[in-house]
Amino acid sequence: MPPAIDLNCDMGESFGLYSIGADAAIAPFITSANLGCGFHGGDPRVMRESIELCKTHNVAIGAHPGLPDLAGFGRRRMAVSPNEVRDMVTYQIGALAAFAHAAGVKLQHVKPHGALYMMALEDDAISDAICEAVARFDPGLMLFTTAGLATERAAKKRGLRVVREFFADRPLSPNGWVMFGSKLTDIVAPGSPGTPEPPITAGLASRATRVAVAGKTTLTDGSEIRMKVDTICVHSDTPNSPAIMQAVLQALVVAGVEVRKPA
């Protein structure tokens, strides 16, 4: 059997008059989408339009709950209790699920956003609160997270299916993902002056394909680790994100990897 991989994107994070990300351009190249639910980004109109976009391209829909920090785009850590996390995650899943129901589709998964995602990876109580919210809402929902850390452990205790994630457009250090403020040149070196994008795009695609096929990736210190991966993410607000995801998709297909939604 050839390896199989899901391609996911954090999107639906525009709000009001503010447009964030290249959602329409990246949607044809993905199989799953994580849609903002109004706390860090997204609003009722954006949720509705994002679900319609996903339906058009046969993209599976997931809730992308974040911290209540619109000004910081959910990328600033907050002092929140596990009970608060459970309730805010439940609230956000419910909001997106209502729009999905109105559109005649179901949610496939939940993926925490930004600082909440990172806090959960290292905090058992926060992870369990997220997983409790998901399991109580619908135990059939999958949970997207990084393998081997607190969120995966909590999900398994709650009987949730974990989809193990790799970020194609974020560097990985020995201490974990470098998420906020990182640059693509922190992952791969740019090309010659004036033409930086093609070499970076190709480098990211090669990196994503290597982890999908060989289960290996290189950390920021040059060391190598093994990773089990079920889905690869490119963020919609990453510069040149549609071209990056298209390059990832093409490289995976050439390598004989089946690109599809999680089975």
C-alpha atoms as a PDB file:
ATOM      1  CA  MET A   1       0.000   0.000   0.000  1.00  0.00           C
ATOM      2  CA  PRO A   2       1.362   3.471  -0.852  1.00  0.00           C
ATOM      3  CA  PRO A   3       1.542   5.960   2.012  1.00  0.00           C
ATOM      4  CA  ALA A   4      -1.399   8.346   2.366  1.00  0.00           C
ATOM      5  CA  ILE A   5      -1.455  11.889   3.703  1.00  0.00           C
ATOM      6  CA  ASP A   6      -4.000  14.624   4.327  1.00  0.00           C
ATOM      7  CA  LEU A   7      -3.241  18.259   3.440  1.00  0.00           C
ATOM      8  CA  ASN A   8      -4.782  20.808   5.794  1.00  0.00           C
ATOM      9  CA  CYS A   9      -4.893  24.587   6.030  1.00  0.00           C
ATOM     10  CA  ASP A  10      -5.793  27.058   8.780  1.00  0.00           C
ATOM     11  CA  MET A  11      -8.245  29.418   7.077  1.00  0.00           C
ATOM     12  CA  GLY A  12     -11.538  31.246   7.508  1.00  0.00           C
ATOM     13  CA  GLU A  13      -9.749  33.721   9.770  1.00  0.00           C
ATOM     14  CA  SER A  14     -10.813  36.986   8.143  1.00  0.00           C
ATOM     15  CA  PHE A  15     -13.303  39.135  10.045  1.00  0.00           C
ATOM     16  CA  GLY A  16     -15.349  42.241   9.386  1.00  0.00           C
ATOM     17  CA  LEU A  17     -13.549  44.387   6.820  1.00  0.00           C
ATOM     18  CA  TYR A  18     -10.220  42.616   7.393  1.00  0.00           C
ATOM     19  CA  SER A  19      -9.102  39.984   4.910  1.00  0.00           C
ATOM     20  CA  ILE A  20      -6.532  37.447   6.148  1.00  0.00           C
ATOM     21  CA  GLY A  21      -4.981  34.671   4.132  1.00  0.00           C
ATOM     22  CA  ALA A  22      -5.380  33.332   0.599  1.00  0.00           C
ATOM     23  CA  ASP A  23      -8.259  30.969   1.259  1.00  0.00           C
ATOM     24  CA  ALA A  24      -9.836  30.836  -2.197  1.00  0.00           C
ATOM     25  CA  ALA A  25      -6.473  30.287  -3.899  1.00  0.00           C
ATOM     26  CA  ILE A  26      -5.277  27.495  -1.583  1.00  0.00           C
ATOM     27  CA  ALA A  27      -8.568  25.580  -1.306  1.00  0.00           C
ATOM     28  CA  PRO A  28      -8.111  23.571  -4.563  1.00  0.00           C
ATOM     29  CA  PHE A  29      -4.913  21.998  -3.193  1.00  0.00           C
ATOM     30  CA  ILE A  30      -6.091  20.786   0.245  1.00  0.00           C
ATOM     31  CA  THR A  31      -8.229  17.979   1.598  1.00  0.00           C
ATOM     32  CA  SER A  32      -9.061  19.369   5.065  1.00  0.00           C
ATOM     33  CA  ALA A  33      -9.616  22.905   6.371  1.00  0.00           C
ATOM     34  CA  ASN A  34      -9.486  24.288   9.892  1.00  0.00           C
ATOM     35  CA  LEU A  35     -11.927  27.185  10.069  1.00  0.00           C
ATOM     36  CA  GLY A  36     -11.793  30.037  12.565  1.00  0.00           C
ATOM     37  CA  CYS A  37     -14.796  30.164  14.868  1.00  0.00           C
ATOM     38  CA  GLY A  38     -14.908  33.828  15.900  1.00  0.00           C
ATOM     39  CA  PHE A  39     -12.550  34.115  18.872  1.00  0.00           C
ATOM     40  CA  HIS A  40      -9.170  34.719  17.210  1.00  0.00           C
ATOM     41  CA  GLY A  41     -10.550  35.239  13.710  1.00  0.00           C
ATOM     42  CA  GLY A  42     -13.594  34.490  11.623  1.00  0.00           C
ATOM     43  CA  ASP A  43     -17.103  35.836  12.059  1.00  0.00           C
ATOM     44  CA  PRO A  44     -20.586  34.574  11.108  1.00  0.00           C
ATOM     45  CA  ARG A  45     -20.304  35.663   7.465  1.00  0.00           C
ATOM     46  CA  VAL A  46     -16.783  34.295   7.114  1.00  0.00           C
ATOM     47  CA  MET A  47     -17.771  30.970   8.677  1.00  0.00           C
ATOM     48  CA  ARG A  48     -20.659  30.606   6.243  1.00  0.00           C
ATOM     49  CA  GLU A  49     -18.586  31.588   3.206  1.00  0.00           C
ATOM     50  CA  SER A  50     -15.679  29.367   4.257  1.00  0.00           C
ATOM     51  CA  ILE A  51     -17.935  26.335   4.525  1.00  0.00           C
ATOM     52  CA  GLU A  52     -19.343  27.100   1.077  1.00  0.00           C
ATOM     53  CA  LEU A  53     -15.788  27.327  -0.283  1.00  0.00           C
ATOM     54  CA  CYS A  54     -14.924  23.959   1.252  1.00  0.00           C
ATOM     55  CA  LYS A  55     -18.046  22.358  -0.198  1.00  0.00           C
ATOM     56  CA  THR A  56     -17.110  23.626  -3.646  1.00  0.00           C
ATOM     57  CA  HIS A  57     -13.702  21.940  -3.478  1.00  0.00           C
ATOM     58  CA  ASN A  58     -14.775  18.813  -1.540  1.00  0.00           C
ATOM     59  CA  VAL A  59     -12.648  19.815   1.430  1.00  0.00           C
ATOM     60  CA  ALA A  60     -13.410  18.333   4.852  1.00  0.00           C
ATOM     61  CA  ILE A  61     -14.294  20.891   7.519  1.00  0.00           C
ATOM     62  CA  GLY A  62     -12.809  21.204  10.987  1.00  0.00           C
ATOM     63  CA  ALA A  63     -13.312  23.678  13.809  1.00  0.00           C
ATOM     64  CA  HIS A  64     -10.267  25.791  14.672  1.00  0.00           C
ATOM     65  CA  PRO A  65     -10.981  27.162  18.170  1.00  0.00           C
ATOM     66  CA  GLY A  66      -8.607  29.695  19.658  1.00  0.00           C
ATOM     67  CA  LEU A  67      -8.188  31.985  22.627  1.00  0.00           C
ATOM     68  CA  PRO A  68     -10.457  35.058  22.876  1.00  0.00           C
ATOM     69  CA  ASP A  69      -7.783  37.397  21.549  1.00  0.00           C
ATOM     70  CA  LEU A  70      -8.857  39.010  18.284  1.00  0.00           C
ATOM     71  CA  ALA A  71      -6.235  41.772  18.532  1.00  0.00           C
ATOM     72  CA  GLY A  72      -3.437  39.231  18.937  1.00  0.00           C
ATOM     73  CA  PHE A  73      -4.911  36.755  16.448  1.00  0.00           C
ATOM     74  CA  GLY A  74      -4.929  34.110  19.174  1.00  0.00           C
ATOM     75  CA  ARG A  75      -1.149  33.904  19.131  1.00  0.00           C
ATOM     76  CA  ARG A  76      -0.580  35.321  22.616  1.00  0.00           C
ATOM     77  CA  ARG A  77      -0.664  33.036  25.614  1.00  0.00           C
ATOM     78  CA  MET A  78      -3.356  33.794  28.188  1.00  0.00           C
ATOM     79  CA  ALA A  79      -3.910  32.741  31.779  1.00  0.00           C
ATOM     80  CA  VAL A  80      -7.002  30.577  31.343  1.00  0.00           C
ATOM     81  CA  SER A  81      -8.281  27.760  33.519  1.00  0.00           C
ATOM     82  CA  PRO A  82      -9.075  24.301  32.154  1.00  0.00           C
ATOM     83  CA  ASN A  83     -12.786  24.953  32.756  1.00  0.00           C
ATOM     84  CA  GLU A  84     -12.575  28.145  30.712  1.00  0.00           C
ATOM     85  CA  VAL A  85     -10.784  26.294  27.930  1.00  0.00           C
ATOM     86  CA  ARG A  86     -13.399  23.539  27.890  1.00  0.00           C
ATOM     87  CA  ASP A  87     -16.241  26.042  27.654  1.00  0.00           C
ATOM     88  CA  MET A  88     -14.662  28.273  25.010  1.00  0.00           C
ATOM     89  CA  VAL A  89     -13.800  25.278  22.835  1.00  0.00           C
ATOM     90  CA  THR A  90     -17.340  23.912  23.167  1.00  0.00           C
ATOM     91  CA  TYR A  91     -18.769  27.319  22.260  1.00  0.00           C
ATOM     92  CA  GLN A  92     -16.625  27.637  19.144  1.00  0.00           C
ATOM     93  CA  ILE A  93     -17.224  24.098  17.882  1.00  0.00           C
ATOM     94  CA  GLY A  94     -20.941  24.694  18.324  1.00  0.00           C
ATOM     95  CA  ALA A  95     -20.852  27.939  16.353  1.00  0.00           C
ATOM     96  CA  LEU A  96     -19.148  26.361  13.338  1.00  0.00           C
ATOM     97  CA  ALA A  97     -21.265  23.213  13.587  1.00  0.00           C
ATOM     98  CA  ALA A  98     -24.411  25.333  13.284  1.00  0.00           C
ATOM     99  CA  PHE A  99     -23.231  26.795   9.979  1.00  0.00           C
ATOM    100  CA  ALA A 100     -22.114  23.360   8.793  1.00  0.00           C
ATOM    101  CA  HIS A 101     -25.528  21.911   9.626  1.00  0.00           C
ATOM    102  CA  ALA A 102     -27.244  24.740   7.746  1.00  0.00           C
ATOM    103  CA  ALA A 103     -25.059  23.956   4.718  1.00  0.00           C
ATOM    104  CA  GLY A 104     -25.823  20.238   4.878  1.00  0.00           C
ATOM    105  CA  VAL A 105     -22.332  19.097   5.896  1.00  0.00           C
ATOM    106  CA  LYS A 106     -20.727  17.712   9.047  1.00  0.00           C
ATOM    107  CA  LEU A 107     -17.568  18.581  10.890  1.00  0.00           C
ATOM    108  CA  GLN A 108     -14.714  16.119  10.440  1.00  0.00           C
ATOM    109  CA  HIS A 109     -12.307  17.302  13.131  1.00  0.00           C
ATOM    110  CA  VAL A 110     -11.115  19.892  15.625  1.00  0.00           C
ATOM    111  CA  LYS A 111      -7.702  21.541  15.632  1.00  0.00           C
ATOM    112  CA  PRO A 112      -6.790  24.084  18.323  1.00  0.00           C
ATOM    113  CA  HIS A 113      -5.368  27.357  17.040  1.00  0.00           C
ATOM    114  CA  GLY A 114      -2.204  29.285  17.771  1.00  0.00           C
ATOM    115  CA  ALA A 115      -1.277  29.795  21.397  1.00  0.00           C
ATOM    116  CA  LEU A 116      -3.994  27.397  22.555  1.00  0.00           C
ATOM    117  CA  TYR A 117      -2.489  24.655  20.371  1.00  0.00           C
ATOM    118  CA  MET A 118       0.978  25.309  21.784  1.00  0.00           C
ATOM    119  CA  MET A 119      -0.171  25.587  25.412  1.00  0.00           C
ATOM    120  CA  ALA A 120      -1.982  22.275  25.108  1.00  0.00           C
ATOM    121  CA  LEU A 121       1.083  20.448  23.808  1.00  0.00           C
ATOM    122  CA  GLU A 122       2.852  21.003  27.130  1.00  0.00           C
ATOM    123  CA  ASP A 123      -0.055  21.191  29.615  1.00  0.00           C
ATOM    124  CA  ASP A 124      -1.986  18.037  30.501  1.00  0.00           C
ATOM    125  CA  ALA A 125      -4.880  19.942  32.088  1.00  0.00           C
ATOM    126  CA  ILE A 126      -5.366  22.255  29.099  1.00  0.00           C
ATOM    127  CA  SER A 127      -5.131  19.301  26.728  1.00  0.00           C
ATOM    128  CA  ASP A 128      -7.695  17.325  28.688  1.00  0.00           C
ATOM    129  CA  ALA A 129     -10.064  20.300  28.738  1.00  0.00           C
ATOM    130  CA  ILE A 130      -9.897  20.568  24.943  1.00  0.00           C
ATOM    131  CA  CYS A 131     -10.409  16.840  24.521  1.00  0.00           C
ATOM    132  CA  GLU A 132     -13.281  16.796  27.005  1.00  0.00           C
ATOM    133  CA  ALA A 133     -15.032  19.507  24.994  1.00  0.00           C
ATOM    134  CA  VAL A 134     -14.556  17.583  21.756  1.00  0.00           C
ATOM    135  CA  ALA A 135     -15.607  14.227  23.205  1.00  0.00           C
ATOM    136  CA  ARG A 136     -18.726  15.663  24.843  1.00  0.00           C
ATOM    137  CA  PHE A 137     -19.756  17.468  21.668  1.00  0.00           C
ATOM    138  CA  ASP A 138     -19.120  14.539  19.307  1.00  0.00           C
ATOM    139  CA  PRO A 139     -16.770  11.655  20.140  1.00  0.00           C
ATOM    140  CA  GLY A 140     -16.577  10.873  16.427  1.00  0.00           C
ATOM    141  CA  LEU A 141     -14.657  14.068  15.701  1.00  0.00           C
ATOM    142  CA  MET A 142     -10.947  13.647  14.995  1.00  0.00           C
ATOM    143  CA  LEU A 143      -8.361  15.796  16.765  1.00  0.00           C
ATOM    144  CA  PHE A 144      -5.460  17.292  14.800  1.00  0.00           C
ATOM    145  CA  THR A 145      -2.280  17.768  16.853  1.00  0.00           C
ATOM    146  CA  THR A 146       1.438  17.052  17.011  1.00  0.00           C
ATOM    147  CA  ALA A 147       2.310  13.449  17.859  1.00  0.00           C
ATOM    148  CA  GLY A 148       3.769  12.278  21.143  1.00  0.00           C
ATOM    149  CA  LEU A 149       2.864  15.204  23.388  1.00  0.00           C
ATOM    150  CA  ALA A 150       0.200  16.074  25.964  1.00  0.00           C
ATOM    151  CA  THR A 151      -2.664  16.628  23.507  1.00  0.00           C
ATOM    152  CA  GLU A 152      -2.274  13.217  21.904  1.00  0.00           C
ATOM    153  CA  ARG A 153      -2.127  11.543  25.327  1.00  0.00           C
ATOM    154  CA  ALA A 154      -5.293  13.333  26.473  1.00  0.00           C
ATOM    155  CA  ALA A 155      -7.127  12.512  23.254  1.00  0.00           C
ATOM    156  CA  LYS A 156      -6.362   8.817  23.560  1.00  0.00           C
ATOM    157  CA  LYS A 157      -7.606   8.791  27.152  1.00  0.00           C
ATOM    158  CA  ARG A 158     -10.873  10.328  25.930  1.00  0.00           C
ATOM    159  CA  GLY A 159     -11.168   7.818  23.086  1.00  0.00           C
ATOM    160  CA  LEU A 160     -10.648  10.390  20.330  1.00  0.00           C
ATOM    161  CA  ARG A 161      -8.909   9.587  17.084  1.00  0.00           C
ATOM    162  CA  VAL A 162      -5.691  11.605  16.688  1.00  0.00           C
ATOM    163  CA  VAL A 163      -4.506  12.877  13.318  1.00  0.00           C
ATOM    164  CA  ARG A 164      -0.787  13.594  13.687  1.00  0.00           C
ATOM    165  CA  GLU A 165       0.273  16.896  12.143  1.00  0.00           C
ATOM    166  CA  PHE A 166       3.376  18.355  10.537  1.00  0.00           C
ATOM    167  CA  PHE A 167       3.762  22.052   9.690  1.00  0.00           C
ATOM    168  CA  ALA A 168       5.360  22.474   6.275  1.00  0.00           C
ATOM    169  CA  ASP A 169       5.781  26.225   6.783  1.00  0.00           C
ATOM    170  CA  ARG A 170       7.064  26.329  10.371  1.00  0.00           C
ATOM    171  CA  PRO A 171      10.518  25.377  11.713  1.00  0.00           C
ATOM    172  CA  LEU A 172      10.835  22.647  14.308  1.00  0.00           C
ATOM    173  CA  SER A 173      13.370  23.158  17.086  1.00  0.00           C
ATOM    174  CA  PRO A 174      14.550  20.578  19.646  1.00  0.00           C
ATOM    175  CA  ASN A 175      12.081  22.214  22.085  1.00  0.00           C
ATOM    176  CA  GLY A 176       9.090  22.159  19.739  1.00  0.00           C
ATOM    177  CA  TRP A 177       7.485  24.145  16.955  1.00  0.00           C
ATOM    178  CA  VAL A 178       8.655  27.725  16.370  1.00  0.00           C
ATOM    179  CA  MET A 179       5.264  29.121  15.462  1.00  0.00           C
ATOM    180  CA  PHE A 180       5.049  32.869  15.924  1.00  0.00           C
ATOM    181  CA  GLY A 181       7.347  35.297  14.155  1.00  0.00           C
ATOM    182  CA  SER A 182       9.200  32.560  12.297  1.00  0.00           C
ATOM    183  CA  LYS A 183      10.145  33.056   8.662  1.00  0.00           C
ATOM    184  CA  LEU A 184      10.331  30.630   5.775  1.00  0.00           C
ATOM    185  CA  THR A 185      14.058  31.306   5.618  1.00  0.00           C
ATOM    186  CA  ASP A 186      14.271  29.816   9.124  1.00  0.00           C
ATOM    187  CA  ILE A 187      13.387  26.508   7.462  1.00  0.00           C
ATOM    188  CA  VAL A 188      15.110  26.579   4.086  1.00  0.00           C
ATOM    189  CA  ALA A 189      17.673  28.987   2.677  1.00  0.00           C
ATOM    190  CA  PRO A 190      16.548  31.480   0.021  1.00  0.00           C
ATOM    191  CA  GLY A 191      17.858  31.354  -3.519  1.00  0.00           C
ATOM    192  CA  SER A 192      19.825  34.014  -5.319  1.00  0.00           C
ATOM    193  CA  PRO A 193      18.929  37.682  -4.724  1.00  0.00           C
ATOM    194  CA  GLY A 194      15.770  38.694  -6.526  1.00  0.00           C
ATOM    195  CA  THR A 195      14.434  35.149  -6.885  1.00  0.00           C
ATOM    196  CA  PRO A 196      13.927  33.806  -3.349  1.00  0.00           C
ATOM    197  CA  GLU A 197      10.504  32.213  -3.652  1.00  0.00           C
ATOM    198  CA  PRO A 198      10.987  29.224  -6.016  1.00  0.00           C
ATOM    199  CA  PRO A 199      13.897  27.686  -4.049  1.00  0.00           C
ATOM    200  CA  ILE A 200      12.036  28.214  -0.765  1.00  0.00           C
ATOM    201  CA  THR A 201       8.846  26.702  -2.171  1.00  0.00           C
ATOM    202  CA  ALA A 202      10.705  23.713  -3.573  1.00  0.00           C
ATOM    203  CA  GLY A 203      12.578  23.260  -0.297  1.00  0.00           C
ATOM    204  CA  LEU A 204       9.383  23.244   1.739  1.00  0.00           C
ATOM    205  CA  ALA A 205       7.800  20.729  -0.639  1.00  0.00           C
ATOM    206  CA  SER A 206      10.851  18.471  -0.372  1.00  0.00           C
ATOM    207  CA  ARG A 207      10.778  18.710   3.419  1.00  0.00           C
ATOM    208  CA  ALA A 208       7.079  17.823   3.546  1.00  0.00           C
ATOM    209  CA  THR A 209       7.528  14.887   1.178  1.00  0.00           C
ATOM    210  CA  ARG A 210      10.439  13.527   3.191  1.00  0.00           C
ATOM    211  CA  VAL A 211       8.449  13.424   6.411  1.00  0.00           C
ATOM    212  CA  ALA A 212       5.480  11.837   4.640  1.00  0.00           C
ATOM    213  CA  VAL A 213       7.525   9.134   2.891  1.00  0.00           C
ATOM    214  CA  ALA A 214      10.484   8.516   5.222  1.00  0.00           C
ATOM    215  CA  GLY A 215       9.048   9.746   8.515  1.00  0.00           C
ATOM    216  CA  LYS A 216      12.089  11.953   9.104  1.00  0.00           C
ATOM    217  CA  THR A 217      12.697  15.680   9.433  1.00  0.00           C
ATOM    218  CA  THR A 218      15.555  17.998  10.341  1.00  0.00           C
ATOM    219  CA  LEU A 219      15.432  20.309  13.351  1.00  0.00           C
ATOM    220  CA  THR A 220      16.703  23.878  13.501  1.00  0.00           C
ATOM    221  CA  ASP A 221      19.942  22.698  15.140  1.00  0.00           C
ATOM    222  CA  GLY A 222      20.662  20.340  12.238  1.00  0.00           C
ATOM    223  CA  SER A 223      19.779  17.154  14.073  1.00  0.00           C
ATOM    224  CA  GLU A 224      17.330  14.638  12.641  1.00  0.00           C
ATOM    225  CA  ILE A 225      14.315  13.017  14.253  1.00  0.00           C
ATOM    226  CA  ARG A 226      11.614  10.566  13.245  1.00  0.00           C
ATOM    227  CA  MET A 227       7.985  11.734  13.127  1.00  0.00           C
ATOM    228  CA  LYS A 228       4.762   9.877  12.446  1.00  0.00           C
ATOM    229  CA  VAL A 229       2.571  12.135  10.315  1.00  0.00           C
ATOM    230  CA  ASP A 230      -0.990  11.833   9.005  1.00  0.00           C
ATOM    231  CA  THR A 231      -1.567  15.414   7.827  1.00  0.00           C
ATOM    232  CA  ILE A 232       0.598  18.295   6.603  1.00  0.00           C
ATOM    233  CA  CYS A 233      -0.372  21.922   7.210  1.00  0.00           C
ATOM    234  CA  VAL A 234       0.351  25.128   5.332  1.00  0.00           C
ATOM    235  CA  HIS A 235      -1.180  28.252   6.898  1.00  0.00           C
ATOM    236  CA  SER A 236      -3.317  30.397   4.610  1.00  0.00           C
ATOM    237  CA  ASP A 237      -1.636  33.579   5.874  1.00  0.00           C
ATOM    238  CA  THR A 238       1.885  32.322   5.100  1.00  0.00           C
ATOM    239  CA  PRO A 239       3.390  34.361   2.242  1.00  0.00           C
ATOM    240  CA  ASN A 240       2.904  32.551  -1.075  1.00  0.00           C
ATOM    241  CA  SER A 241       0.833  29.845   0.644  1.00  0.00           C
ATOM    242  CA  PRO A 242      -1.092  28.644  -2.451  1.00  0.00           C
ATOM    243  CA  ALA A 243       2.129  28.061  -4.392  1.00  0.00           C
ATOM    244  CA  ILE A 244       3.671  26.282  -1.409  1.00  0.00           C
ATOM    245  CA  MET A 245       0.708  23.959  -0.966  1.00  0.00           C
ATOM    246  CA  GLN A 246       0.508  23.274  -4.698  1.00  0.00           C
ATOM    247  CA  ALA A 247       4.208  22.377  -4.692  1.00  0.00           C
ATOM    248  CA  VAL A 248       3.706  20.099  -1.675  1.00  0.00           C
ATOM    249  CA  LEU A 249       0.786  18.372  -3.376  1.00  0.00           C
ATOM    250  CA  GLN A 250       2.688  17.858  -6.623  1.00  0.00           C
ATOM    251  CA  ALA A 251       5.790  16.558  -4.843  1.00  0.00           C
ATOM    252  CA  LEU A 252       3.732  14.060  -2.847  1.00  0.00           C
ATOM    253  CA  VAL A 253       1.967  12.768  -5.955  1.00  0.00           C
ATOM    254  CA  VAL A 254       5.292  12.349  -7.788  1.00  0.00           C
ATOM    255  CA  ALA A 255       6.615  10.422  -4.766  1.00  0.00           C
ATOM    256  CA  GLY A 256       3.667   8.029  -4.979  1.00  0.00           C
ATOM    257  CA  VAL A 257       1.860   9.325  -1.884  1.00  0.00           C
ATOM    258  CA  GLU A 258      -1.930   9.188  -1.936  1.00  0.00           C
ATOM    259  CA  VAL A 259      -3.324  12.586  -0.897  1.00  0.00           C
ATOM    260  CA  ARG A 260      -6.726  12.242   0.738  1.00  0.00           C
ATOM    261  CA  LYS A 261      -8.783  13.099   3.778  1.00  0.00           C
ATOM    262  CA  PRO A 262      -8.068  11.043   6.911  1.00  0.00           C
ATOM    263  CA  ALA A 263      -9.786   7.685   6.452  1.00  0.00           C
END
